[in-house]
Amino acid sequence: MEQESRIAVMAIIVENRDSVDELNTLLHEYGNYIVGRMGLPYEKKNLHIVSIALDAPNDTISALAGKIGNISGISVKTAYANA
């Protein structure tokens, strides 16, 4: 049985630039589910803000968020659409 897909947005804060390659590798692995991506460097605070729009099964979104959250120097929060 195929799981219903959901729309979600992940807000990712990158405070450790050494972790960017690991983050990008993960995002590439989940690329089929990513609808759009926006990255903003915030030099004043020496960090990067990344937002990812996803259309994926809930388990897939949760798995990606968990993997991102385990990367050193990166934090993530996910918001889901009601529809």
PDB file of N, CA and C in Angstrom:
ATOM      1  N   MET A   1       0.837  -1.189   0.000  1.00  0.00           N
ATOM      2  CA  MET A   1       0.000   0.000   0.000  1.00  0.00           C
ATOM      3  C   MET A   1       0.882   1.252   0.000  1.00  0.00           C
ATOM      4  N   GLU A   2       0.650   2.123  -0.965  1.00  0.00           N
ATOM      5  CA  GLU A   2       1.454   3.334  -1.075  1.00  0.00           C
ATOM      6  C   GLU A   2       0.984   4.384  -0.074  1.00  0.00           C
ATOM      7  N   GLN A   3       1.953   5.002   0.575  1.00  0.00           N
ATOM      8  CA  GLN A   3       1.645   6.032   1.560  1.00  0.00           C
ATOM      9  C   GLN A   3       1.290   7.345   0.857  1.00  0.00           C
ATOM     10  N   GLU A   4       0.307   8.044   1.394  1.00  0.00           N
ATOM     11  CA  GLU A   4      -0.106   9.328   0.841  1.00  0.00           C
ATOM     12  C   GLU A   4       1.000  10.355   1.044  1.00  0.00           C
ATOM     13  N   SER A   5       1.230  11.192   0.032  1.00  0.00           N
ATOM     14  CA  SER A   5       2.271  12.210   0.174  1.00  0.00           C
ATOM     15  C   SER A   5       1.707  13.446   0.865  1.00  0.00           C
ATOM     16  N   ARG A   6       2.612  14.165   1.490  1.00  0.00           N
ATOM     17  CA  ARG A   6       2.257  15.396   2.195  1.00  0.00           C
ATOM     18  C   ARG A   6       3.165  16.515   1.719  1.00  0.00           C
ATOM     19  N   ILE A   7       2.690  17.730   1.887  1.00  0.00           N
ATOM     20  CA  ILE A   7       3.485  18.908   1.563  1.00  0.00           C
ATOM     21  C   ILE A   7       4.071  19.431   2.874  1.00  0.00           C
ATOM     22  N   ALA A   8       5.355  19.718   2.855  1.00  0.00           N
ATOM     23  CA  ALA A   8       6.019  20.220   4.051  1.00  0.00           C
ATOM     24  C   ALA A   8       7.117  21.194   3.657  1.00  0.00           C
ATOM     25  N   VAL A   9       7.506  22.015   4.623  1.00  0.00           N
ATOM     26  CA  VAL A   9       8.628  22.930   4.465  1.00  0.00           C
ATOM     27  C   VAL A   9       9.587  22.691   5.622  1.00  0.00           C
ATOM     28  N   MET A  10      10.856  22.513   5.297  1.00  0.00           N
ATOM     29  CA  MET A  10      11.884  22.377   6.326  1.00  0.00           C
ATOM     30  C   MET A  10      12.687  23.659   6.388  1.00  0.00           C
ATOM     31  N   ALA A  11      12.860  24.157   7.591  1.00  0.00           N
ATOM     32  CA  ALA A  11      13.742  25.301   7.834  1.00  0.00           C
ATOM     33  C   ALA A  11      15.018  24.738   8.440  1.00  0.00           C
ATOM     34  N   ILE A  12      16.138  25.002   7.784  1.00  0.00           N
ATOM     35  CA  ILE A  12      17.422  24.452   8.202  1.00  0.00           C
ATOM     36  C   ILE A  12      18.376  25.605   8.491  1.00  0.00           C
ATOM     37  N   ILE A  13      18.978  25.574   9.672  1.00  0.00           N
ATOM     38  CA  ILE A  13      19.970  26.575  10.054  1.00  0.00           C
ATOM     39  C   ILE A  13      21.331  25.880  10.081  1.00  0.00           C
ATOM     40  N   VAL A  14      22.272  26.401   9.293  1.00  0.00           N
ATOM     41  CA  VAL A  14      23.614  25.828   9.223  1.00  0.00           C
ATOM     42  C   VAL A  14      24.583  26.766   9.939  1.00  0.00           C
ATOM     43  N   GLU A  15      25.079  26.318  11.082  1.00  0.00           N
ATOM     44  CA  GLU A  15      26.033  27.119  11.855  1.00  0.00           C
ATOM     45  C   GLU A  15      27.461  26.604  11.723  1.00  0.00           C
ATOM     46  N   ASN A  16      27.611  25.400  11.163  1.00  0.00           N
ATOM     47  CA  ASN A  16      28.930  24.808  10.975  1.00  0.00           C
ATOM     48  C   ASN A  16      29.130  24.545   9.488  1.00  0.00           C
ATOM     49  N   ARG A  17      29.924  25.376   8.845  1.00  0.00           N
ATOM     50  CA  ARG A  17      30.126  25.257   7.392  1.00  0.00           C
ATOM     51  C   ARG A  17      30.774  23.940   7.005  1.00  0.00           C
ATOM     52  N   ASP A  18      31.473  23.296   7.935  1.00  0.00           N
ATOM     53  CA  ASP A  18      32.104  22.009   7.650  1.00  0.00           C
ATOM     54  C   ASP A  18      31.070  20.909   7.420  1.00  0.00           C
ATOM     55  N   SER A  19      29.817  21.155   7.798  1.00  0.00           N
ATOM     56  CA  SER A  19      28.753  20.158   7.662  1.00  0.00           C
ATOM     57  C   SER A  19      27.951  20.297   6.369  1.00  0.00           C
ATOM     58  N   VAL A  20      28.277  21.290   5.560  1.00  0.00           N
ATOM     59  CA  VAL A  20      27.498  21.571   4.356  1.00  0.00           C
ATOM     60  C   VAL A  20      27.544  20.420   3.352  1.00  0.00           C
ATOM     61  N   ASP A  21      28.707  19.807   3.175  1.00  0.00           N
ATOM     62  CA  ASP A  21      28.801  18.698   2.217  1.00  0.00           C
ATOM     63  C   ASP A  21      27.887  17.543   2.617  1.00  0.00           C
ATOM     64  N   GLU A  22      27.861  17.221   3.911  1.00  0.00           N
ATOM     65  CA  GLU A  22      26.996  16.140   4.387  1.00  0.00           C
ATOM     66  C   GLU A  22      25.521  16.477   4.171  1.00  0.00           C
ATOM     67  N   LEU A  23      25.155  17.737   4.424  1.00  0.00           N
ATOM     68  CA  LEU A  23      23.785  18.185   4.191  1.00  0.00           C
ATOM     69  C   LEU A  23      23.430  18.078   2.709  1.00  0.00           C
ATOM     70  N   ASN A  24      24.300  18.573   1.852  1.00  0.00           N
ATOM     71  CA  ASN A  24      24.023  18.541   0.413  1.00  0.00           C
ATOM     72  C   ASN A  24      23.908  17.113  -0.114  1.00  0.00           C
ATOM     73  N   THR A  25      24.697  16.195   0.427  1.00  0.00           N
ATOM     74  CA  THR A  25      24.602  14.794   0.029  1.00  0.00           C
ATOM     75  C   THR A  25      23.226  14.227   0.381  1.00  0.00           C
ATOM     76  N   LEU A  26      22.755  14.522   1.593  1.00  0.00           N
ATOM     77  CA  LEU A  26      21.426  14.067   2.010  1.00  0.00           C
ATOM     78  C   LEU A  26      20.338  14.652   1.116  1.00  0.00           C
ATOM     79  N   LEU A  27      20.417  15.947   0.857  1.00  0.00           N
ATOM     80  CA  LEU A  27      19.397  16.589   0.024  1.00  0.00           C
ATOM     81  C   LEU A  27      19.401  16.003  -1.384  1.00  0.00           C
ATOM     82  N   HIS A  28      20.579  15.658  -1.880  1.00  0.00           N
ATOM     83  CA  HIS A  28      20.658  15.034  -3.202  1.00  0.00           C
ATOM     84  C   HIS A  28      19.986  13.657  -3.185  1.00  0.00           C
ATOM     85  N   GLU A  29      20.188  12.895  -2.111  1.00  0.00           N
ATOM     86  CA  GLU A  29      19.568  11.573  -1.990  1.00  0.00           C
ATOM     87  C   GLU A  29      18.042  11.650  -1.990  1.00  0.00           C
ATOM     88  N   TYR A  30      17.501  12.727  -1.435  1.00  0.00           N
ATOM     89  CA  TYR A  30      16.047  12.908  -1.345  1.00  0.00           C
ATOM     90  C   TYR A  30      15.521  13.848  -2.437  1.00  0.00           C
ATOM     91  N   GLY A  31      16.331  14.081  -3.449  1.00  0.00           N
ATOM     92  CA  GLY A  31      16.001  15.041  -4.498  1.00  0.00           C
ATOM     93  C   GLY A  31      14.681  14.802  -5.208  1.00  0.00           C
ATOM     94  N   ASN A  32      14.260  13.552  -5.310  1.00  0.00           N
ATOM     95  CA  ASN A  32      12.991  13.252  -5.992  1.00  0.00           C
ATOM     96  C   ASN A  32      11.788  13.818  -5.249  1.00  0.00           C
ATOM     97  N   TYR A  33      11.946  14.108  -3.973  1.00  0.00           N
ATOM     98  CA  TYR A  33      10.850  14.627  -3.150  1.00  0.00           C
ATOM     99  C   TYR A  33      10.898  16.140  -2.982  1.00  0.00           C
ATOM    100  N   ILE A  34      12.009  16.763  -3.370  1.00  0.00           N
ATOM    101  CA  ILE A  34      12.180  18.197  -3.153  1.00  0.00           C
ATOM    102  C   ILE A  34      11.540  18.983  -4.289  1.00  0.00           C
ATOM    103  N   VAL A  35      10.589  19.841  -3.922  1.00  0.00           N
ATOM    104  CA  VAL A  35       9.889  20.681  -4.895  1.00  0.00           C
ATOM    105  C   VAL A  35      10.705  21.939  -5.180  1.00  0.00           C
ATOM    106  N   GLY A  36      11.342  22.481  -4.154  1.00  0.00           N
ATOM    107  CA  GLY A  36      12.148  23.685  -4.299  1.00  0.00           C
ATOM    108  C   GLY A  36      13.065  23.872  -3.109  1.00  0.00           C
ATOM    109  N   ARG A  37      14.089  24.673  -3.327  1.00  0.00           N
ATOM    110  CA  ARG A  37      15.098  24.900  -2.292  1.00  0.00           C
ATOM    111  C   ARG A  37      15.584  26.340  -2.395  1.00  0.00           C
ATOM    112  N   MET A  38      15.762  26.972  -1.240  1.00  0.00           N
ATOM    113  CA  MET A  38      16.289  28.330  -1.216  1.00  0.00           C
ATOM    114  C   MET A  38      17.328  28.419  -0.104  1.00  0.00           C
ATOM    115  N   GLY A  39      18.504  28.905  -0.430  1.00  0.00           N
ATOM    116  CA  GLY A  39      19.554  29.075   0.560  1.00  0.00           C
ATOM    117  C   GLY A  39      19.948  30.535   0.670  1.00  0.00           C
ATOM    118  N   LEU A  40      20.055  31.002   1.899  1.00  0.00           N
ATOM    119  CA  LEU A  40      20.406  32.399   2.150  1.00  0.00           C
ATOM    120  C   LEU A  40      21.610  32.480   3.082  1.00  0.00           C
ATOM    121  N   PRO A  41      22.716  33.027   2.605  1.00  0.00           N
ATOM    122  CA  PRO A  41      23.828  33.252   3.521  1.00  0.00           C
ATOM    123  C   PRO A  41      23.519  34.466   4.401  1.00  0.00           C
ATOM    124  N   TYR A  42      23.786  34.342   5.675  1.00  0.00           N
ATOM    125  CA  TYR A  42      23.574  35.473   6.590  1.00  0.00           C
ATOM    126  C   TYR A  42      24.912  35.767   7.249  1.00  0.00           C
ATOM    127  N   GLU A  43      25.738  36.519   6.529  1.00  0.00           N
ATOM    128  CA  GLU A  43      27.116  36.781   6.940  1.00  0.00           C
ATOM    129  C   GLU A  43      27.206  37.497   8.286  1.00  0.00           C
ATOM    130  N   LYS A  44      26.243  38.360   8.565  1.00  0.00           N
ATOM    131  CA  LYS A  44      26.260  39.119   9.823  1.00  0.00           C
ATOM    132  C   LYS A  44      26.307  38.187  11.039  1.00  0.00           C
ATOM    133  N   LYS A  45      25.625  37.043  10.936  1.00  0.00           N
ATOM    134  CA  LYS A  45      25.585  36.084  12.043  1.00  0.00           C
ATOM    135  C   LYS A  45      26.440  34.846  11.756  1.00  0.00           C
ATOM    136  N   ASN A  46      27.136  34.850  10.605  1.00  0.00           N
ATOM    137  CA  ASN A  46      28.011  33.745  10.213  1.00  0.00           C
ATOM    138  C   ASN A  46      27.269  32.407  10.153  1.00  0.00           C
ATOM    139  N   LEU A  47      26.110  32.414   9.491  1.00  0.00           N
ATOM    140  CA  LEU A  47      25.347  31.183   9.308  1.00  0.00           C
ATOM    141  C   LEU A  47      24.602  31.228   7.989  1.00  0.00           C
ATOM    142  N   HIS A  48      24.008  30.101   7.645  1.00  0.00           N
ATOM    143  CA  HIS A  48      23.213  29.996   6.426  1.00  0.00           C
ATOM    144  C   HIS A  48      21.822  29.494   6.785  1.00  0.00           C
ATOM    145  N   ILE A  49      20.824  30.008   6.084  1.00  0.00           N
ATOM    146  CA  ILE A  49      19.435  29.611   6.276  1.00  0.00           C
ATOM    147  C   ILE A  49      18.993  28.926   4.984  1.00  0.00           C
ATOM    148  N   VAL A  50      18.491  27.710   5.124  1.00  0.00           N
ATOM    149  CA  VAL A  50      18.046  26.941   3.955  1.00  0.00           C
ATOM    150  C   VAL A  50      16.596  26.539   4.178  1.00  0.00           C
ATOM    151  N   SER A  51      15.771  26.734   3.167  1.00  0.00           N
ATOM    152  CA  SER A  51      14.395  26.229   3.249  1.00  0.00           C
ATOM    153  C   SER A  51      14.179  25.246   2.104  1.00  0.00           C
ATOM    154  N   ILE A  52      13.505  24.152   2.433  1.00  0.00           N
ATOM    155  CA  ILE A  52      13.255  23.080   1.479  1.00  0.00           C
ATOM    156  C   ILE A  52      11.750  22.810   1.446  1.00  0.00           C
ATOM    157  N   ALA A  53      11.154  22.857   0.261  1.00  0.00           N
ATOM    158  CA  ALA A  53       9.752  22.481   0.091  1.00  0.00           C
ATOM    159  C   ALA A  53       9.722  21.041  -0.400  1.00  0.00           C
ATOM    160  N   LEU A  54       8.892  20.208   0.251  1.00  0.00           N
ATOM    161  CA  LEU A  54       8.842  18.785  -0.048  1.00  0.00           C
ATOM    162  C   LEU A  54       7.433  18.312  -0.364  1.00  0.00           C
ATOM    163  N   ASP A  55       7.338  17.305  -1.200  1.00  0.00           N
ATOM    164  CA  ASP A  55       6.103  16.575  -1.455  1.00  0.00           C
ATOM    165  C   ASP A  55       6.485  15.105  -1.337  1.00  0.00           C
ATOM    166  N   ALA A  56       6.202  14.509  -0.160  1.00  0.00           N
ATOM    167  CA  ALA A  56       6.692  13.163   0.130  1.00  0.00           C
ATOM    168  C   ALA A  56       5.823  12.484   1.182  1.00  0.00           C
ATOM    169  N   PRO A  57       5.931  11.166   1.305  1.00  0.00           N
ATOM    170  CA  PRO A  57       5.247  10.484   2.399  1.00  0.00           C
ATOM    171  C   PRO A  57       5.766  10.980   3.751  1.00  0.00           C
ATOM    172  N   ASN A  58       4.911  10.949   4.748  1.00  0.00           N
ATOM    173  CA  ASN A  58       5.280  11.449   6.063  1.00  0.00           C
ATOM    174  C   ASN A  58       6.538  10.769   6.606  1.00  0.00           C
ATOM    175  N   ASP A  59       6.651   9.457   6.421  1.00  0.00           N
ATOM    176  CA  ASP A  59       7.826   8.728   6.907  1.00  0.00           C
ATOM    177  C   ASP A  59       9.112   9.229   6.253  1.00  0.00           C
ATOM    178  N   THR A  60       9.040   9.573   4.990  1.00  0.00           N
ATOM    179  CA  THR A  60      10.203  10.067   4.264  1.00  0.00           C
ATOM    180  C   THR A  60      10.618  11.439   4.785  1.00  0.00           C
ATOM    181  N   ILE A  61       9.640  12.308   5.008  1.00  0.00           N
ATOM    182  CA  ILE A  61       9.929  13.642   5.538  1.00  0.00           C
ATOM    183  C   ILE A  61      10.554  13.528   6.927  1.00  0.00           C
ATOM    184  N   SER A  62       9.983  12.681   7.766  1.00  0.00           N
ATOM    185  CA  SER A  62      10.508  12.494   9.126  1.00  0.00           C
ATOM    186  C   SER A  62      11.921  11.920   9.100  1.00  0.00           C
ATOM    187  N   ALA A  63      12.163  10.964   8.211  1.00  0.00           N
ATOM    188  CA  ALA A  63      13.490  10.362   8.108  1.00  0.00           C
ATOM    189  C   ALA A  63      14.525  11.403   7.692  1.00  0.00           C
ATOM    190  N   LEU A  64      14.197  12.218   6.704  1.00  0.00           N
ATOM    191  CA  LEU A  64      15.123  13.256   6.258  1.00  0.00           C
ATOM    192  C   LEU A  64      15.387  14.254   7.374  1.00  0.00           C
ATOM    193  N   ALA A  65      14.342  14.706   8.049  1.00  0.00           N
ATOM    194  CA  ALA A  65      14.522  15.670   9.150  1.00  0.00           C
ATOM    195  C   ALA A  65      15.403  15.078  10.246  1.00  0.00           C
ATOM    196  N   GLY A  66      15.205  13.803  10.568  1.00  0.00           N
ATOM    197  CA  GLY A  66      16.019  13.161  11.588  1.00  0.00           C
ATOM    198  C   GLY A  66      17.481  13.086  11.192  1.00  0.00           C
ATOM    199  N   LYS A  67      17.745  12.743   9.941  1.00  0.00           N
ATOM    200  CA  LYS A  67      19.124  12.662   9.455  1.00  0.00           C
ATOM    201  C   LYS A  67      19.785  14.027   9.444  1.00  0.00           C
ATOM    202  N   ILE A  68      19.043  15.048   9.013  1.00  0.00           N
ATOM    203  CA  ILE A  68      19.599  16.406   9.008  1.00  0.00           C
ATOM    204  C   ILE A  68      19.880  16.862  10.432  1.00  0.00           C
ATOM    205  N   GLY A  69      18.950  16.584  11.341  1.00  0.00           N
ATOM    206  CA  GLY A  69      19.108  16.990  12.728  1.00  0.00           C
ATOM    207  C   GLY A  69      20.290  16.349  13.429  1.00  0.00           C
ATOM    208  N   ASN A  70      20.764  15.221  12.907  1.00  0.00           N
ATOM    209  CA  ASN A  70      21.915  14.536  13.494  1.00  0.00           C
ATOM    210  C   ASN A  70      23.256  15.048  12.987  1.00  0.00           C
ATOM    211  N   ILE A  71      23.226  15.960  12.024  1.00  0.00           N
ATOM    212  CA  ILE A  71      24.470  16.532  11.507  1.00  0.00           C
ATOM    213  C   ILE A  71      24.941  17.627  12.472  1.00  0.00           C
ATOM    214  N   SER A  72      26.202  17.584  12.826  1.00  0.00           N
ATOM    215  CA  SER A  72      26.781  18.554  13.753  1.00  0.00           C
ATOM    216  C   SER A  72      26.675  19.984  13.205  1.00  0.00           C
ATOM    217  N   GLY A  73      26.191  20.898  14.039  1.00  0.00           N
ATOM    218  CA  GLY A  73      26.127  22.307  13.661  1.00  0.00           C
ATOM    219  C   GLY A  73      24.945  22.675  12.787  1.00  0.00           C
ATOM    220  N   ILE A  74      23.978  21.760  12.649  1.00  0.00           N
ATOM    221  CA  ILE A  74      22.797  22.027  11.824  1.00  0.00           C
ATOM    222  C   ILE A  74      21.550  21.729  12.644  1.00  0.00           C
ATOM    223  N   SER A  75      20.574  22.629  12.580  1.00  0.00           N
ATOM    224  CA  SER A  75      19.286  22.391  13.230  1.00  0.00           C
ATOM    225  C   SER A  75      18.187  22.483  12.177  1.00  0.00           C
ATOM    226  N   VAL A  76      17.074  21.764  12.421  1.00  0.00           N
ATOM    227  CA  VAL A  76      16.000  21.699  11.434  1.00  0.00           C
ATOM    228  C   VAL A  76      14.651  21.654  12.136  1.00  0.00           C
ATOM    229  N   LYS A  77      13.677  22.313  11.538  1.00  0.00           N
ATOM    230  CA  LYS A  77      12.274  22.248  11.976  1.00  0.00           C
ATOM    231  C   LYS A  77      11.411  22.059  10.741  1.00  0.00           C
ATOM    232  N   THR A  78      10.337  21.303  10.899  1.00  0.00           N
ATOM    233  CA  THR A  78       9.465  20.997   9.765  1.00  0.00           C
ATOM    234  C   THR A  78       8.040  21.465  10.053  1.00  0.00           C
ATOM    235  N   ALA A  79       7.427  22.091   9.055  1.00  0.00           N
ATOM    236  CA  ALA A  79       6.011  22.487   9.135  1.00  0.00           C
ATOM    237  C   ALA A  79       5.278  21.780   8.003  1.00  0.00           C
ATOM    238  N   TYR A  80       4.087  21.260   8.321  1.00  0.00           N
ATOM    239  CA  TYR A  80       3.293  20.514   7.360  1.00  0.00           C
ATOM    240  C   TYR A  80       2.047  21.296   6.950  1.00  0.00           C
ATOM    241  N   ALA A  81       1.663  21.142   5.684  1.00  0.00           N
ATOM    242  CA  ALA A  81       0.408  21.712   5.193  1.00  0.00           C
ATOM    243  C   ALA A  81      -0.734  20.888   5.749  1.00  0.00           C
ATOM    244  N   ASN A  82      -1.880  21.518   5.981  1.00  0.00           N
ATOM    245  CA  ASN A  82      -3.052  20.811   6.496  1.00  0.00           C
ATOM    246  C   ASN A  82      -3.710  19.937   5.423  1.00  0.00           C
ATOM    247  N   ALA A  83      -3.561  20.320   4.186  1.00  0.00           N
ATOM    248  CA  ALA A  83      -4.220  19.580   3.088  1.00  0.00           C
ATOM    249  C   ALA A  83      -3.504  18.302   2.771  1.00  0.00           C
TER     250      ALA A  83
END
